Amino acid sequence: MAPGADGASGAREKARPGRTGGLDAPDLPDTADRSDPEAGLATAEYAVATVAAVGFAGLLIAVLKSDTVRGLLESIISSALSV
Protein backbone atom coordinates (compact mmCIF):
# COMPACT_ATOMS: atom_id res chain seq x y z
CA MET A 1 0.00 0.00 0.00
CA ALA A 2 1.33 3.44 -0.93
CA PRO A 3 1.98 6.04 1.78
CA GLY A 4 -1.10 8.14 2.27
CA ALA A 5 -3.45 5.58 0.72
CA ASP A 6 -5.12 4.89 4.05
CA GLY A 7 -5.77 8.61 4.72
CA ALA A 8 -2.65 9.06 6.82
CA SER A 9 0.10 11.42 5.81
CA GLY A 10 2.64 8.61 5.61
CA ALA A 11 5.07 10.47 7.86
CA ARG A 12 5.56 9.37 11.44
CA GLU A 13 4.58 11.99 13.94
CA LYS A 14 6.85 12.76 16.86
CA ALA A 15 5.99 11.15 20.17
CA ARG A 16 5.90 13.32 23.24
CA PRO A 17 6.31 10.93 26.17
CA GLY A 18 4.63 11.99 29.36
CA ARG A 19 2.01 14.16 27.67
CA THR A 20 0.37 11.59 25.42
CA GLY A 21 0.93 8.38 27.33
CA GLY A 22 3.59 7.28 24.85
CA LEU A 23 1.29 7.58 21.83
CA ASP A 24 2.30 9.41 18.70
CA ALA A 25 0.77 12.88 18.60
CA PRO A 26 1.12 15.75 16.17
CA ASP A 27 3.16 18.75 17.18
CA LEU A 28 0.85 21.61 18.06
CA PRO A 29 1.66 24.98 16.51
CA ASP A 30 2.74 27.76 18.81
CA THR A 31 -0.17 30.14 18.25
CA ALA A 32 0.81 32.72 20.87
CA ASP A 33 2.08 35.89 19.24
CA ARG A 34 4.96 36.83 21.53
CA SER A 35 5.27 40.30 20.00
CA ASP A 36 1.70 41.34 20.93
CA PRO A 37 1.94 43.68 23.96
CA GLU A 38 -1.79 43.23 24.66
CA ALA A 39 -1.69 39.43 24.87
CA GLY A 40 -3.69 38.30 27.90
CA LEU A 41 -5.23 41.72 28.38
CA ALA A 42 -8.80 40.44 28.06
CA THR A 43 -8.18 37.98 30.89
CA ALA A 44 -6.93 40.79 33.12
CA GLU A 45 -9.98 42.87 32.25
CA TYR A 46 -12.29 39.99 33.18
CA ALA A 47 -10.46 39.60 36.49
CA VAL A 48 -10.86 43.30 37.31
CA ALA A 49 -14.55 43.21 36.35
CA THR A 50 -15.10 40.12 38.51
CA VAL A 51 -13.45 41.73 41.54
CA ALA A 52 -15.55 44.87 41.01
CA ALA A 53 -18.74 42.79 40.74
CA VAL A 54 -17.94 40.95 43.97
CA GLY A 55 -17.28 44.25 45.73
CA PHE A 56 -20.55 45.70 44.44
CA ALA A 57 -22.44 42.57 45.56
CA GLY A 58 -20.96 42.90 49.05
CA LEU A 59 -21.96 46.55 49.23
CA LEU A 60 -25.48 45.72 48.03
CA ILE A 61 -25.85 43.03 50.68
CA ALA A 62 -24.72 45.45 53.38
CA VAL A 63 -27.21 48.07 52.23
CA LEU A 64 -30.10 45.61 51.96
CA LYS A 65 -29.44 44.32 55.49
CA SER A 66 -29.82 47.79 56.99
CA ASP A 67 -32.99 48.45 59.02
CA THR A 68 -33.99 51.46 56.91
CA VAL A 69 -33.91 49.59 53.63
CA ARG A 70 -35.54 46.52 55.18
CA GLY A 71 -38.46 48.64 56.45
CA LEU A 72 -38.80 50.33 53.05
CA LEU A 73 -38.87 46.99 51.24
CA GLU A 74 -41.40 45.55 53.71
CA SER A 75 -43.71 48.52 53.20
CA ILE A 76 -43.44 48.22 49.40
CA ILE A 77 -44.20 44.49 49.51
CA SER A 78 -47.06 44.98 51.96
CA SER A 79 -48.68 47.66 49.83
CA ALA A 80 -48.24 45.52 46.70
CA LEU A 81 -49.86 42.49 48.32
CA SER A 82 -52.78 44.46 49.79
CA VAL A 83 -54.01 45.68 46.39
C-alpha atoms as a PDB file:
ATOM      1  CA  MET A   1       0.000   0.000   0.000  1.00  0.00           C
ATOM      2  CA  ALA A   2       1.327   3.444  -0.927  1.00  0.00           C
ATOM      3  CA  PRO A   3       1.979   6.038   1.779  1.00  0.00           C
ATOM      4  CA  GLY A   4      -1.098   8.137   2.273  1.00  0.00           C
ATOM      5  CA  ALA A   5      -3.453   5.578   0.721  1.00  0.00           C
ATOM      6  CA  ASP A   6      -5.118   4.894   4.055  1.00  0.00           C
ATOM      7  CA  GLY A   7      -5.773   8.610   4.721  1.00  0.00           C
ATOM      8  CA  ALA A   8      -2.647   9.065   6.815  1.00  0.00           C
ATOM      9  CA  SER A   9       0.104  11.416   5.811  1.00  0.00           C
ATOM     10  CA  GLY A  10       2.637   8.612   5.612  1.00  0.00           C
ATOM     11  CA  ALA A  11       5.073  10.470   7.862  1.00  0.00           C
ATOM     12  CA  ARG A  12       5.564   9.369  11.438  1.00  0.00           C
ATOM     13  CA  GLU A  13       4.580  11.989  13.937  1.00  0.00           C
ATOM     14  CA  LYS A  14       6.852  12.760  16.859  1.00  0.00           C
ATOM     15  CA  ALA A  15       5.989  11.150  20.171  1.00  0.00           C
ATOM     16  CA  ARG A  16       5.904  13.320  23.243  1.00  0.00           C
ATOM     17  CA  PRO A  17       6.312  10.930  26.173  1.00  0.00           C
ATOM     18  CA  GLY A  18       4.626  11.992  29.363  1.00  0.00           C
ATOM     19  CA  ARG A  19       2.006  14.162  27.665  1.00  0.00           C
ATOM     20  CA  THR A  20       0.366  11.595  25.423  1.00  0.00           C
ATOM     21  CA  GLY A  21       0.927   8.376  27.331  1.00  0.00           C
ATOM     22  CA  GLY A  22       3.587   7.280  24.854  1.00  0.00           C
ATOM     23  CA  LEU A  23       1.292   7.583  21.833  1.00  0.00           C
ATOM     24  CA  ASP A  24       2.298   9.410  18.703  1.00  0.00           C
ATOM     25  CA  ALA A  25       0.770  12.876  18.605  1.00  0.00           C
ATOM     26  CA  PRO A  26       1.116  15.753  16.171  1.00  0.00           C
ATOM     27  CA  ASP A  27       3.160  18.745  17.184  1.00  0.00           C
ATOM     28  CA  LEU A  28       0.850  21.608  18.056  1.00  0.00           C
ATOM     29  CA  PRO A  29       1.655  24.976  16.514  1.00  0.00           C
ATOM     30  CA  ASP A  30       2.740  27.764  18.813  1.00  0.00           C
ATOM     31  CA  THR A  31      -0.173  30.143  18.254  1.00  0.00           C
ATOM     32  CA  ALA A  32       0.814  32.719  20.866  1.00  0.00           C
ATOM     33  CA  ASP A  33       2.080  35.889  19.237  1.00  0.00           C
ATOM     34  CA  ARG A  34       4.961  36.833  21.527  1.00  0.00           C
ATOM     35  CA  SER A  35       5.266  40.299  19.997  1.00  0.00           C
ATOM     36  CA  ASP A  36       1.705  41.342  20.932  1.00  0.00           C
ATOM     37  CA  PRO A  37       1.938  43.679  23.963  1.00  0.00           C
ATOM     38  CA  GLU A  38      -1.794  43.231  24.661  1.00  0.00           C
ATOM     39  CA  ALA A  39      -1.688  39.429  24.867  1.00  0.00           C
ATOM     40  CA  GLY A  40      -3.687  38.302  27.896  1.00  0.00           C
ATOM     41  CA  LEU A  41      -5.234  41.721  28.377  1.00  0.00           C
ATOM     42  CA  ALA A  42      -8.798  40.437  28.056  1.00  0.00           C
ATOM     43  CA  THR A  43      -8.176  37.978  30.887  1.00  0.00           C
ATOM     44  CA  ALA A  44      -6.930  40.789  33.121  1.00  0.00           C
ATOM     45  CA  GLU A  45      -9.984  42.873  32.253  1.00  0.00           C
ATOM     46  CA  TYR A  46     -12.286  39.985  33.176  1.00  0.00           C
ATOM     47  CA  ALA A  47     -10.458  39.597  36.486  1.00  0.00           C
ATOM     48  CA  VAL A  48     -10.857  43.299  37.313  1.00  0.00           C
ATOM     49  CA  ALA A  49     -14.548  43.208  36.353  1.00  0.00           C
ATOM     50  CA  THR A  50     -15.095  40.117  38.509  1.00  0.00           C
ATOM     51  CA  VAL A  51     -13.452  41.731  41.539  1.00  0.00           C
ATOM     52  CA  ALA A  52     -15.553  44.869  41.010  1.00  0.00           C
ATOM     53  CA  ALA A  53     -18.741  42.793  40.741  1.00  0.00           C
ATOM     54  CA  VAL A  54     -17.945  40.952  43.972  1.00  0.00           C
ATOM     55  CA  GLY A  55     -17.283  44.255  45.733  1.00  0.00           C
ATOM     56  CA  PHE A  56     -20.549  45.699  44.444  1.00  0.00           C
ATOM     57  CA  ALA A  57     -22.441  42.573  45.560  1.00  0.00           C
ATOM     58  CA  GLY A  58     -20.960  42.900  49.053  1.00  0.00           C
ATOM     59  CA  LEU A  59     -21.961  46.547  49.229  1.00  0.00           C
ATOM     60  CA  LEU A  60     -25.477  45.721  48.026  1.00  0.00           C
ATOM     61  CA  ILE A  61     -25.852  43.027  50.683  1.00  0.00           C
ATOM     62  CA  ALA A  62     -24.716  45.447  53.384  1.00  0.00           C
ATOM     63  CA  VAL A  63     -27.213  48.075  52.226  1.00  0.00           C
ATOM     64  CA  LEU A  64     -30.096  45.609  51.962  1.00  0.00           C
ATOM     65  CA  LYS A  65     -29.440  44.318  55.494  1.00  0.00           C
ATOM     66  CA  SER A  66     -29.820  47.794  56.993  1.00  0.00           C
ATOM     67  CA  ASP A  67     -32.989  48.450  59.015  1.00  0.00           C
ATOM     68  CA  THR A  68     -33.986  51.464  56.912  1.00  0.00           C
ATOM     69  CA  VAL A  69     -33.914  49.587  53.625  1.00  0.00           C
ATOM     70  CA  ARG A  70     -35.538  46.522  55.184  1.00  0.00           C
ATOM     71  CA  GLY A  71     -38.456  48.642  56.446  1.00  0.00           C
ATOM     72  CA  LEU A  72     -38.797  50.329  53.050  1.00  0.00           C
ATOM     73  CA  LEU A  73     -38.874  46.993  51.238  1.00  0.00           C
ATOM     74  CA  GLU A  74     -41.397  45.554  53.707  1.00  0.00           C
ATOM     75  CA  SER A  75     -43.706  48.522  53.195  1.00  0.00           C
ATOM     76  CA  ILE A  76     -43.444  48.221  49.396  1.00  0.00           C
ATOM     77  CA  ILE A  77     -44.196  44.491  49.508  1.00  0.00           C
ATOM     78  CA  SER A  78     -47.062  44.976  51.963  1.00  0.00           C
ATOM     79  CA  SER A  79     -48.680  47.657  49.835  1.00  0.00           C
ATOM     80  CA  ALA A  80     -48.237  45.520  46.698  1.00  0.00           C
ATOM     81  CA  LEU A  81     -49.863  42.490  48.319  1.00  0.00           C
ATOM     82  CA  SER A  82     -52.777  44.457  49.795  1.00  0.00           C
ATOM     83  CA  VAL A  83     -54.007  45.684  46.393  1.00  0.00           C
END
